[in-house]
């Protein structure tokens, strides 16, 4: 423990000792110890014990200001009561180190598979670990977690606590882990090669459960390093390049969680920074996910409520506006305050790149109206330059994919009929059995997108709620190509299969 650690115990009275002011049974002393300086030690195996919570509540009623629980092993807790002061003994340090190594091994395994996320769900009796690879959430491969594919609940809880401690050590999480609160953090040290950070989200669930999601943020991606590697069509790339060369107006990227918005935003910003070495480019992110050389990245992190987050985002954007910017990247527009500052930046002649949650490219305008952006701003094409919506779909392995006539592809009859009408006299490509180059016939993911560069007519129609006329104008007069057209191009080229498209993007019908 060290001299200072021992001194902290020697200077503090053990209030839960036999005959102490906080009275409790001998059995409870295997679960909790409370000191006069507010330290509260709780056995890891009793982190969710109702009796432990009752003792802590009793201490607070007696006027003792206790801090958050510090989780220790049973041997350490017994050592405290026996006077051996074993809370920081080598065994505890060894246990914590072993648990950290276990987490690091899990992250190495996930990185080898280029996984985006690890999900740990802990319930009353067990803990299950899943991994998301190429957009599909699946059980962790056998042997990684255990012979049964799961852990005991206590082991899962210790994984959660250790992961949180690893984030707290780096200053990216609150000091105290609380299994009954929503918490977040980032691990930035001891990570596998190629992994820049691991973002943690802790969620309390019913029946004393816990849900931990670990998102791996890669310095380099399986989909390459440039915007063109992501899978946009030649026409879309030409438009995105034109937008990157603009020095004003707003480019907005939309899509659900996991649709690759952040990656597209990062690649677009990298391109802008690289081609404008004399410009001052800033970002406001919650928190910064990817390091972008040449970009001044302003963090917004560790906020406990949406209200706090909204205020902090608005404050950071206002600071960016006072920092002589040329271009500003805003991680996400979610609140009216954030949107107002973003439009203030655009209206004063800056270029802004950002994201929102919307179903498609034309849905971005009504989404901004819902957030509270004034209609006159949304009618101005000099302010809104580009509206991009995207999804990610598993990409067929080029080595083992197989061409099949739609009627022989084991597809639903209605899908066969629609494919026959949309791609007449043309075979479609389906996943193969899997080979040394892929997983189950798929290899990575590719983007399917739609991109609009609106004029005042399109914006007027969208602001007025006239979606169908807006869609017709976009397609007929502006050369708009909805999701389905990009998807059909990729189906015909053997890049994706129709089942994945209908599952992840849209129904395959004529636009």
Protein backbone atom coordinates (compact mmCIF):
# COMPACT_ATOMS: atom_id res chain seq x y z
CA UNK A 1 0.00 0.00 0.00
CA UNK A 2 2.86 2.39 0.73
CA UNK A 3 3.39 4.74 3.66
CA UNK A 4 0.91 7.36 2.49
CA UNK A 5 -1.80 4.75 1.86
CA UNK A 6 -1.27 3.21 5.30
CA UNK A 7 -1.28 6.64 6.93
CA UNK A 8 -4.71 7.39 5.42
CA UNK A 9 -6.11 4.35 7.23
CA UNK A 10 -4.26 5.06 10.47
CA UNK A 11 -5.63 8.59 10.56
CA UNK A 12 -9.22 7.48 9.90
CA UNK A 13 -11.52 5.65 12.32
CA UNK A 14 -13.09 2.40 11.13
CA UNK A 15 -16.75 3.20 11.87
CA UNK A 16 -18.12 -0.25 11.02
CA UNK A 17 -15.83 -2.17 13.42
CA UNK A 18 -17.35 -4.29 16.16
CA UNK A 19 -18.74 -1.78 18.67
CA UNK A 20 -18.29 1.13 16.26
CA UNK A 21 -20.89 3.87 15.65
CA UNK A 22 -22.25 2.18 12.50
CA UNK A 23 -23.61 -1.05 13.89
CA UNK A 24 -23.92 -4.15 11.72
CA UNK A 25 -23.46 -7.92 11.80
CA UNK A 26 -20.21 -9.84 11.40
CA UNK A 27 -21.50 -11.17 8.07
CA UNK A 28 -21.79 -7.65 6.72
CA UNK A 29 -18.16 -6.96 7.61
CA UNK A 30 -17.26 -9.35 4.78
CA UNK A 31 -19.06 -6.96 2.47
CA UNK A 32 -18.39 -3.35 3.50
CA UNK A 33 -16.13 -1.11 5.58
CA UNK A 34 -16.75 2.61 6.21
CA UNK A 35 -14.16 5.05 7.58
CA UNK A 36 -14.55 8.43 9.27
CA UNK A 37 -12.86 10.17 6.33
CA UNK A 38 -15.70 9.03 4.06
CA UNK A 39 -13.94 6.09 2.42
CA UNK A 40 -16.31 3.24 1.71
CA UNK A 41 -14.78 -0.15 0.78
CA UNK A 42 -17.15 -2.71 -0.74
CA UNK A 43 -16.42 -6.32 -1.65
CA UNK A 44 -16.50 -6.75 -5.43
CA UNK A 45 -18.68 -9.83 -5.07
CA UNK A 46 -21.29 -7.79 -3.15
CA UNK A 47 -21.34 -4.66 -5.31
CA UNK A 48 -25.11 -4.94 -5.79
CA UNK A 49 -26.02 -6.31 -2.34
CA UNK A 50 -29.09 -4.62 -0.84
CA UNK A 51 -27.67 -4.98 2.69
CA UNK A 52 -24.53 -3.11 1.66
CA UNK A 53 -26.60 -0.26 0.26
CA UNK A 54 -28.60 -0.20 3.52
CA UNK A 55 -25.41 0.15 5.60
CA UNK A 56 -24.19 3.03 3.45
CA UNK A 57 -27.60 4.70 3.75
CA UNK A 58 -27.49 4.22 7.56
CA UNK A 59 -24.07 5.87 7.73
CA UNK A 60 -25.37 8.85 5.80
CA UNK A 61 -28.37 9.16 8.11
CA UNK A 62 -25.90 9.32 10.99
CA UNK A 63 -24.28 12.33 9.33
CA UNK A 64 -21.28 10.52 7.85
CA UNK A 65 -20.42 11.88 4.42
CA UNK A 66 -19.39 8.80 2.49
CA UNK A 67 -17.81 8.89 -0.94
CA UNK A 68 -18.53 6.50 -3.76
CA UNK A 69 -17.78 2.81 -3.15
CA UNK A 70 -14.21 1.57 -3.70
CA UNK A 71 -14.42 -2.08 -4.78
CA UNK A 72 -11.89 -4.50 -3.28
CA UNK A 73 -11.56 -8.26 -2.91
CA UNK A 74 -12.80 -10.19 0.12
CA UNK A 75 -9.31 -10.84 1.48
CA UNK A 76 -8.48 -7.16 1.50
CA UNK A 77 -11.70 -6.31 3.32
CA UNK A 78 -11.05 -8.90 6.02
CA UNK A 79 -7.51 -7.56 6.34
CA UNK A 80 -8.90 -4.10 7.12
CA UNK A 81 -10.95 -5.49 10.04
CA UNK A 82 -8.08 -7.66 11.31
CA UNK A 83 -5.81 -4.61 11.42
CA UNK A 84 -3.50 -5.83 8.66
CA UNK A 85 -4.35 -2.89 6.40
CA UNK A 86 -4.34 -5.18 3.37
CA UNK A 87 -6.52 -3.03 1.14
CA UNK A 88 -3.59 -2.27 -1.11
CA UNK A 89 -1.64 -5.51 -0.73
CA UNK A 90 0.16 -7.21 -3.62
CA UNK A 91 -2.67 -9.71 -4.11
CA UNK A 92 -5.15 -6.94 -4.85
CA UNK A 93 -2.73 -5.22 -7.18
CA UNK A 94 -2.11 -8.56 -8.92
CA UNK A 95 -5.87 -9.16 -9.32
CA UNK A 96 -6.41 -5.70 -10.78
CA UNK A 97 -3.46 -6.10 -13.16
CA UNK A 98 -4.69 -9.51 -14.29
CA UNK A 99 -8.13 -8.07 -15.02
CA UNK A 100 -6.61 -5.21 -17.01
CA UNK A 101 -4.59 -7.72 -19.02
CA UNK A 102 -7.77 -9.69 -19.70
CA UNK A 103 -9.48 -6.58 -21.07
CA UNK A 104 -6.44 -5.79 -23.19
CA UNK A 105 -6.51 -9.32 -24.63
CA UNK A 106 -10.20 -8.95 -25.49
CA UNK A 107 -9.44 -5.69 -27.27
CA UNK A 108 -6.54 -7.31 -29.18
CA UNK A 109 -8.86 -10.09 -30.33
CA UNK A 110 -11.49 -7.55 -31.40
CA UNK A 111 -8.87 -5.49 -33.26
CA UNK A 112 -7.67 -8.56 -35.17
CA UNK A 113 -11.23 -9.02 -36.43
CA UNK A 114 -11.55 -5.26 -37.14
CA UNK A 115 -14.58 -5.26 -34.85
CA UNK A 116 -16.33 -1.95 -34.18
CA UNK A 117 -17.79 -2.81 -30.76
CA UNK A 118 -17.75 -5.22 -27.84
CA UNK A 119 -20.98 -5.65 -25.85
CA UNK A 120 -20.96 -7.03 -22.30
CA UNK A 121 -24.36 -7.71 -20.70
CA UNK A 122 -24.37 -8.69 -17.02
CA UNK A 123 -27.48 -10.02 -15.31
CA UNK A 124 -28.08 -11.60 -11.89
CA UNK A 125 -26.34 -14.89 -12.62
CA UNK A 126 -24.17 -14.58 -15.73
CA UNK A 127 -22.44 -12.25 -18.17
CA UNK A 128 -22.47 -12.60 -21.96
CA UNK A 129 -20.01 -10.99 -24.36
CA UNK A 130 -20.81 -10.19 -28.00
CA UNK A 131 -18.79 -8.59 -30.77
CA UNK A 132 -19.88 -6.48 -33.75
CA UNK A 133 -18.00 -7.29 -36.95
CA UNK A 134 -18.99 -5.81 -40.33
CA UNK A 135 -22.13 -4.41 -38.70
CA UNK A 136 -23.35 -7.79 -37.39
CA UNK A 137 -23.58 -8.41 -33.63
CA UNK A 138 -22.56 -12.00 -32.83
CA UNK A 139 -21.43 -14.11 -29.92
CA UNK A 140 -17.74 -13.91 -29.17
CA UNK A 141 -15.95 -16.84 -30.86
CA UNK A 142 -15.67 -19.91 -28.63
CA UNK A 143 -12.81 -20.07 -26.17
CA UNK A 144 -12.44 -16.30 -25.83
CA UNK A 145 -14.88 -15.95 -22.97
CA UNK A 146 -15.04 -19.48 -21.64
CA UNK A 147 -16.05 -22.98 -22.52
CA UNK A 148 -19.74 -22.05 -22.31
CA UNK A 149 -19.38 -18.69 -24.09
CA UNK A 150 -20.21 -16.76 -20.92
CA UNK A 151 -18.86 -15.72 -17.53
CA UNK A 152 -20.19 -15.69 -14.01
CA UNK A 153 -21.99 -12.44 -13.24
CA UNK A 154 -19.31 -11.42 -10.75
CA UNK A 155 -16.58 -11.73 -13.37
CA UNK A 156 -18.60 -9.55 -15.73
CA UNK A 157 -19.05 -6.92 -13.02
CA UNK A 158 -15.31 -6.90 -12.36
CA UNK A 159 -14.65 -6.40 -16.07
CA UNK A 160 -16.96 -3.36 -15.99
CA UNK A 161 -15.29 -1.90 -12.91
CA UNK A 162 -11.78 -2.48 -14.24
CA UNK A 163 -12.62 -0.96 -17.64
CA UNK A 164 -14.00 2.08 -15.84
CA UNK A 165 -10.88 2.33 -13.67
CA UNK A 166 -8.71 2.22 -16.81
CA UNK A 167 -10.68 5.18 -18.18
CA UNK A 168 -10.57 7.06 -14.87
CA UNK A 169 -6.79 6.64 -14.67
CA UNK A 170 -6.52 8.49 -17.96
CA UNK A 171 -8.76 11.31 -16.73
CA UNK A 172 -11.57 10.51 -19.19
CA UNK A 173 -14.15 9.39 -16.63
CA UNK A 174 -15.41 10.47 -13.22
CA UNK A 175 -13.34 9.26 -10.27
CA UNK A 176 -16.07 6.97 -8.92
CA UNK A 177 -17.69 4.02 -10.66
CA UNK A 178 -21.42 3.74 -9.93
CA UNK A 179 -23.23 0.62 -11.22
CA UNK A 180 -26.60 2.37 -10.91
CA UNK A 181 -25.81 5.33 -13.18
CA UNK A 182 -25.23 5.95 -16.86
CA UNK A 183 -21.52 6.64 -17.21
CA UNK A 184 -19.00 7.05 -20.02
CA UNK A 185 -15.27 7.16 -20.50
CA UNK A 186 -12.39 6.40 -22.87
CA UNK A 187 -9.42 4.08 -22.64
CA UNK A 188 -6.41 5.66 -24.35
CA UNK A 189 -3.43 3.66 -23.00
CA UNK A 190 -2.29 0.06 -23.37
CA UNK A 191 -4.28 -0.49 -26.57
CA UNK A 192 -3.53 -2.78 -29.53
CA UNK A 193 -1.60 -1.41 -32.50
CA UNK A 194 -3.88 0.56 -34.78
CA UNK A 195 -6.50 1.29 -32.09
CA UNK A 196 -6.46 4.96 -31.19
CA UNK A 197 -8.95 4.83 -28.30
CA UNK A 198 -11.79 2.75 -26.89
CA UNK A 199 -14.99 4.62 -26.04
CA UNK A 200 -16.93 3.18 -23.10
CA UNK A 201 -20.64 3.47 -22.39
CA UNK A 202 -21.99 1.97 -19.15
CA UNK A 203 -25.75 1.47 -18.79
CA UNK A 204 -27.65 0.23 -15.72
CA UNK A 205 -30.22 -2.42 -16.61
CA UNK A 206 -33.00 -4.07 -14.64
CA UNK A 207 -32.47 -6.68 -11.92
CA UNK A 208 -29.06 -5.39 -10.79
CA UNK A 209 -27.62 -5.74 -14.29
CA UNK A 210 -25.05 -3.76 -16.23
CA UNK A 211 -24.47 -3.18 -19.94
CA UNK A 212 -21.06 -2.09 -21.21
CA UNK A 213 -20.39 -1.16 -24.83
CA UNK A 214 -16.75 -0.70 -25.85
CA UNK A 215 -16.34 1.01 -29.23
CA UNK A 216 -12.93 0.65 -30.87
CA UNK A 217 -11.70 3.75 -32.68
CA UNK A 218 -9.05 2.86 -35.21
CA UNK A 219 -6.22 5.11 -36.35
CA UNK A 220 -6.45 3.37 -39.75
CA UNK A 221 -9.47 1.51 -41.06
CA UNK A 222 -10.10 -1.66 -43.01
CA UNK A 223 -11.84 0.57 -45.59
CA UNK A 224 -8.62 2.48 -46.25
CA UNK A 225 -7.68 6.01 -45.34
CA UNK A 226 -9.27 8.35 -47.90
CA UNK A 227 -12.81 9.43 -48.73
CA UNK A 228 -12.73 7.50 -52.00
CA UNK A 229 -12.09 4.21 -50.16
CA UNK A 230 -15.51 4.25 -48.48
CA UNK A 231 -17.55 3.21 -51.52
CA UNK A 232 -19.15 6.38 -52.88
CA UNK A 233 -19.97 6.40 -56.59
CA UNK A 234 -17.83 8.40 -59.01
CA UNK A 235 -20.57 10.99 -59.31
CA UNK A 236 -20.93 11.30 -55.55
CA UNK A 237 -17.16 11.62 -55.15
CA UNK A 238 -17.05 14.42 -57.72
CA UNK A 239 -19.74 16.32 -55.80
CA UNK A 240 -18.05 15.71 -52.42
CA UNK A 241 -14.76 16.99 -53.84
CA UNK A 242 -16.52 20.13 -55.06
CA UNK A 243 -18.06 20.64 -51.62
CA UNK A 244 -14.65 20.19 -49.98
CA UNK A 245 -13.30 23.01 -52.15
CA UNK A 246 -16.02 25.44 -51.01
CA UNK A 247 -15.05 27.95 -48.35
CA UNK A 248 -18.55 28.62 -47.00
CA UNK A 249 -21.89 26.92 -46.49
CA UNK A 250 -22.90 23.83 -44.54
CA UNK A 251 -22.39 20.17 -45.43
CA UNK A 252 -24.59 17.88 -43.34
CA UNK A 253 -24.22 14.11 -43.07
CA UNK A 254 -27.07 11.98 -41.77
CA UNK A 255 -27.75 8.39 -40.88
CA UNK A 256 -28.52 6.18 -37.88
CA UNK A 257 -25.97 5.11 -35.29
CA UNK A 258 -23.36 2.87 -36.88
CA UNK A 259 -23.89 4.16 -40.43
CA UNK A 260 -20.35 5.53 -40.76
CA UNK A 261 -21.19 9.24 -40.41
CA UNK A 262 -18.20 9.96 -38.18
CA UNK A 263 -15.81 8.21 -40.55
CA UNK A 264 -17.10 10.12 -43.59
CA UNK A 265 -16.92 13.38 -41.66
CA UNK A 266 -13.36 12.59 -40.58
CA UNK A 267 -12.23 11.69 -44.12
CA UNK A 268 -13.85 14.79 -45.59
CA UNK A 269 -12.22 16.98 -42.95
CA UNK A 270 -8.82 15.36 -43.53
CA UNK A 271 -9.13 16.19 -47.22
CA UNK A 272 -10.07 19.80 -46.49
CA UNK A 273 -7.19 20.26 -44.02
CA UNK A 274 -4.68 18.67 -46.40
CA UNK A 275 -5.68 20.89 -49.33
CA UNK A 276 -5.85 24.09 -47.25
CA UNK A 277 -2.54 24.26 -45.34
CA UNK A 278 -2.93 28.00 -44.82
CA UNK A 279 -6.37 27.75 -43.23
CA UNK A 280 -7.40 27.56 -39.57
CA UNK A 281 -9.66 24.52 -39.19
CA UNK A 282 -11.27 23.67 -35.85
CA UNK A 283 -13.56 20.92 -34.63
CA UNK A 284 -16.00 20.62 -31.72
CA UNK A 285 -16.51 16.99 -30.77
CA UNK A 286 -17.99 14.96 -27.90
CA UNK A 287 -15.19 13.93 -27.46
CA UNK A 288 -12.69 13.94 -30.37
CA UNK A 289 -12.68 10.42 -31.83
CA UNK A 290 -9.93 10.52 -34.46
CA UNK A 291 -6.72 12.54 -34.40
CA UNK A 292 -6.61 14.69 -37.51
CA UNK A 293 -3.24 16.38 -38.07
CA UNK A 294 -3.64 20.10 -38.77
CA UNK A 295 -7.08 20.28 -37.15
CA UNK A 296 -7.52 22.07 -33.80
CA UNK A 297 -9.85 19.69 -31.95
CA UNK A 298 -11.92 21.17 -29.11
CA UNK A 299 -13.31 18.51 -26.74
CA UNK A 300 -16.74 18.30 -25.12
CA UNK A 301 -16.65 15.36 -22.69
CA UNK A 302 -17.73 13.76 -19.39
CA UNK A 303 -21.05 15.59 -19.10
CA UNK A 304 -23.80 14.09 -16.98
CA UNK A 305 -26.92 15.36 -18.76
CA UNK A 306 -28.15 16.39 -22.19
CA UNK A 307 -28.69 19.91 -20.84
CA UNK A 308 -25.06 20.17 -19.67
CA UNK A 309 -23.92 18.66 -22.95
CA UNK A 310 -25.95 21.17 -24.96
CA UNK A 311 -24.54 24.12 -23.02
CA UNK A 312 -20.98 22.81 -23.34
CA UNK A 313 -21.36 22.21 -27.08
CA UNK A 314 -22.75 25.72 -27.59
CA UNK A 315 -19.92 27.19 -25.49
CA UNK A 316 -17.28 25.29 -27.50
CA UNK A 317 -18.76 26.38 -30.84
CA UNK A 318 -18.86 29.99 -29.62
CA UNK A 319 -15.19 29.64 -28.63
CA UNK A 320 -14.38 28.25 -32.08
CA UNK A 321 -16.07 31.26 -33.68
CA UNK A 322 -13.84 33.56 -31.60
CA UNK A 323 -10.71 31.68 -32.69
CA UNK A 324 -10.32 33.12 -36.20
CA UNK A 325 -11.66 29.99 -37.98
CA UNK A 326 -11.86 29.27 -41.68
CA UNK A 327 -13.71 25.98 -41.37
CA UNK A 328 -15.44 24.34 -38.40
CA UNK A 329 -16.37 20.69 -37.96
CA UNK A 330 -19.15 20.06 -35.42
CA UNK A 331 -19.49 16.43 -34.37
CA UNK A 332 -23.29 16.50 -34.17
CA UNK A 333 -26.18 18.95 -34.15
CA UNK A 334 -28.69 17.75 -31.58
CA UNK A 335 -29.98 20.85 -29.76
CA UNK A 336 -31.35 24.24 -30.79
CA UNK A 337 -28.41 26.04 -29.17
CA UNK A 338 -25.90 23.97 -31.14
CA UNK A 339 -27.83 24.53 -34.37
CA UNK A 340 -28.02 28.29 -33.78
CA UNK A 341 -24.27 28.58 -33.28
CA UNK A 342 -23.62 26.39 -36.33
CA UNK A 343 -25.78 28.60 -38.53
CA UNK A 344 -24.19 31.70 -37.03
CA UNK A 345 -20.85 30.36 -38.23
CA UNK A 346 -22.21 29.71 -41.73
CA UNK A 347 -23.94 33.09 -41.95
CA UNK A 348 -20.67 34.84 -41.10
CA UNK A 349 -18.92 33.24 -44.05
CA UNK A 350 -17.40 30.05 -42.65
CA UNK A 351 -17.73 26.51 -43.89
CA UNK A 352 -19.31 24.08 -41.41
CA UNK A 353 -19.34 20.29 -41.61
CA UNK A 354 -21.58 18.38 -39.23
CA UNK A 355 -23.95 15.44 -38.72
CA UNK A 356 -27.57 14.96 -37.67
CA UNK A 357 -29.83 11.96 -37.24
CA UNK A 358 -32.25 11.78 -40.18
CA UNK A 359 -33.67 8.99 -42.35
CA UNK A 360 -32.45 10.28 -45.73
CA UNK A 361 -30.89 13.30 -47.38
CA UNK A 362 -34.13 15.23 -47.85
CA UNK A 363 -35.14 14.40 -44.30
CA UNK A 364 -32.30 16.54 -42.96
CA UNK A 365 -34.24 19.78 -43.53
CA UNK A 366 -37.35 18.81 -41.51
CA UNK A 367 -35.06 17.38 -38.84
CA UNK A 368 -33.39 20.80 -38.49
CA UNK A 369 -36.84 22.38 -38.30
CA UNK A 370 -37.71 19.99 -35.43
CA UNK A 371 -34.54 21.05 -33.62
CA UNK A 372 -35.60 24.69 -33.90
CA UNK A 373 -33.73 26.22 -36.86
CA UNK A 374 -35.67 29.15 -38.35
CA UNK A 375 -37.28 28.43 -41.71
CA UNK A 376 -35.71 31.38 -43.52
CA UNK A 377 -32.25 29.90 -42.87
CA UNK A 378 -33.31 26.53 -44.26
CA UNK A 379 -34.57 28.13 -47.50
CA UNK A 380 -31.15 29.55 -48.41
CA UNK A 381 -29.00 27.30 -50.69
CA UNK A 382 -25.97 29.49 -49.99
CA UNK A 383 -26.17 28.29 -46.37
CA UNK A 384 -27.06 24.63 -47.02
CA UNK A 385 -24.70 23.35 -49.68
CA UNK A 386 -24.74 19.57 -49.29
CA UNK A 387 -27.11 16.98 -47.78
CA UNK A 388 -25.59 13.50 -47.54
CA UNK A 389 -27.33 10.40 -46.15
CA UNK A 390 -25.65 7.03 -45.89
CA UNK A 391 -25.81 3.44 -44.67
CA UNK A 392 -23.20 0.70 -44.38
CA UNK A 393 -23.76 -2.72 -45.99
CA UNK A 394 -21.61 -5.85 -45.84
CA UNK A 395 -19.45 -6.19 -48.94
CA UNK A 396 -19.36 -9.49 -50.83
CA UNK A 397 -16.05 -11.32 -50.93
CA UNK A 398 -14.67 -11.06 -54.46
CA UNK A 399 -12.94 -14.43 -54.13
CA UNK A 400 -15.94 -16.63 -53.32
CA UNK A 401 -19.07 -14.66 -54.31
CA UNK A 402 -21.25 -16.45 -56.83
CA UNK A 403 -23.52 -15.20 -59.65
CA UNK A 404 -27.05 -16.59 -59.46
CA UNK A 405 -30.20 -16.03 -61.50
CA UNK A 406 -32.71 -14.32 -59.16
CA UNK A 407 -35.18 -17.22 -59.54
CA UNK A 408 -32.53 -19.65 -58.24
CA UNK A 409 -31.15 -17.50 -55.45
CA UNK A 410 -33.40 -18.79 -52.66
CA UNK A 411 -34.99 -15.36 -52.23
CA UNK A 412 -38.55 -14.36 -51.38
CA UNK A 413 -40.85 -14.46 -54.42
CA UNK A 414 -41.68 -10.76 -54.20
CA UNK A 415 -37.99 -9.84 -54.09
CA UNK A 416 -37.28 -12.09 -57.11
CA UNK A 417 -40.06 -10.33 -59.05
CA UNK A 418 -38.74 -6.88 -58.17
CA UNK A 419 -35.14 -7.77 -59.02
CA UNK A 420 -36.24 -9.24 -62.36
CA UNK A 421 -38.03 -5.98 -63.18
CA UNK A 422 -35.21 -3.70 -61.96
CA UNK A 423 -32.28 -5.72 -63.38
CA UNK A 424 -33.78 -7.62 -66.34
CA UNK A 425 -31.85 -10.50 -67.87
CA UNK A 426 -29.08 -10.05 -65.35
CA UNK A 427 -27.74 -12.45 -62.72
CA UNK A 428 -27.21 -11.21 -59.18
CA UNK A 429 -24.30 -11.96 -56.90
CA UNK A 430 -24.79 -13.77 -53.60
CA UNK A 431 -22.35 -14.60 -50.77
CA UNK A 432 -20.19 -17.66 -51.20
CA UNK A 433 -19.41 -20.32 -48.58
CA UNK A 434 -16.48 -18.35 -47.16
CA UNK A 435 -12.78 -18.63 -47.90
CA UNK A 436 -9.37 -17.63 -46.62
CA UNK A 437 -10.02 -14.02 -47.62
CA UNK A 438 -13.35 -13.45 -45.85
CA UNK A 439 -15.80 -14.29 -43.08
CA UNK A 440 -18.89 -16.22 -44.22
CA UNK A 441 -18.73 -14.79 -47.74
CA UNK A 442 -18.38 -11.14 -46.72
CA UNK A 443 -15.34 -8.89 -46.47
CA UNK A 444 -15.77 -5.55 -44.75
CA UNK A 445 -18.49 -3.01 -45.46
CA UNK A 446 -19.24 -0.40 -48.09
CA UNK A 447 -21.34 2.75 -48.11
CA UNK A 448 -24.65 3.20 -49.90
CA UNK A 449 -25.54 6.87 -50.07
CA UNK A 450 -27.63 9.65 -51.54
CA UNK A 451 -26.30 13.18 -51.93
CA UNK A 452 -28.27 16.34 -52.67
CA UNK A 453 -26.93 19.79 -53.50
CA UNK A 454 -30.18 21.72 -53.08
CA UNK A 455 -31.47 24.79 -54.88
CA UNK A 456 -33.99 27.25 -53.45
CA UNK A 457 -36.94 25.35 -55.03
CA UNK A 458 -36.01 22.09 -53.32
CA UNK A 459 -35.48 23.82 -49.98
CA UNK A 460 -38.79 25.73 -50.27
CA UNK A 461 -40.64 22.48 -50.92
CA UNK A 462 -38.97 20.71 -48.00
CA UNK A 463 -39.58 23.57 -45.58
CA UNK A 464 -43.20 23.62 -46.71
CA UNK A 465 -43.59 19.91 -45.95
CA UNK A 466 -44.12 18.94 -49.60
CA UNK A 467 -41.92 15.88 -49.66
CA UNK A 468 -43.24 14.16 -52.79
CA UNK A 469 -42.95 17.27 -55.00
CA UNK A 470 -39.50 17.85 -53.48
CA UNK A 471 -38.42 14.31 -54.39
CA UNK A 472 -39.69 14.70 -57.96
CA UNK A 473 -37.88 18.04 -58.36
CA UNK A 474 -34.66 16.58 -56.97
CA UNK A 475 -34.71 13.55 -59.28
CA UNK A 476 -36.00 15.21 -62.46
CA UNK A 477 -34.39 18.64 -62.33
CA UNK A 478 -31.32 18.26 -60.13
CA UNK A 479 -30.22 14.78 -61.18
CA UNK A 480 -30.90 13.33 -57.73
CA UNK A 481 -30.17 9.65 -57.20
CA UNK A 482 -31.92 8.10 -54.18
CA UNK A 483 -30.53 5.24 -52.07
CA UNK A 484 -32.12 2.58 -54.26
CA UNK A 485 -30.20 3.65 -57.38
CA UNK A 486 -26.82 3.49 -55.68
CA UNK A 487 -27.83 0.13 -54.19
CA UNK A 488 -28.86 -1.29 -57.57
CA UNK A 489 -25.52 -0.20 -59.08
CA UNK A 490 -23.69 -2.12 -56.37
CA UNK A 491 -25.93 -5.18 -56.70
CA UNK A 492 -25.35 -5.27 -60.47
CA UNK A 493 -21.59 -4.93 -59.93
CA UNK A 494 -21.48 -7.78 -57.42
CA UNK A 495 -20.38 -5.57 -54.54
CA UNK A 496 -23.41 -6.21 -52.30
CA UNK A 497 -26.32 -8.64 -52.28
CA UNK A 498 -30.02 -7.66 -52.33
CA UNK A 499 -30.82 -9.25 -48.96
CA UNK A 500 -28.30 -7.01 -47.19
CA UNK A 501 -29.65 -3.95 -49.00
CA UNK A 502 -33.25 -4.60 -48.00
CA UNK A 503 -32.16 -5.33 -44.43
CA UNK A 504 -29.95 -2.28 -43.96
CA UNK A 505 -30.97 0.38 -46.48
CA UNK A 506 -34.26 0.36 -48.37
CA UNK A 507 -36.83 -1.71 -50.23
CA UNK A 508 -35.75 -2.40 -53.79
CA UNK A 509 -38.43 -0.66 -55.84
CA UNK A 510 -38.19 1.78 -58.76
CA UNK A 511 -37.58 5.35 -57.52
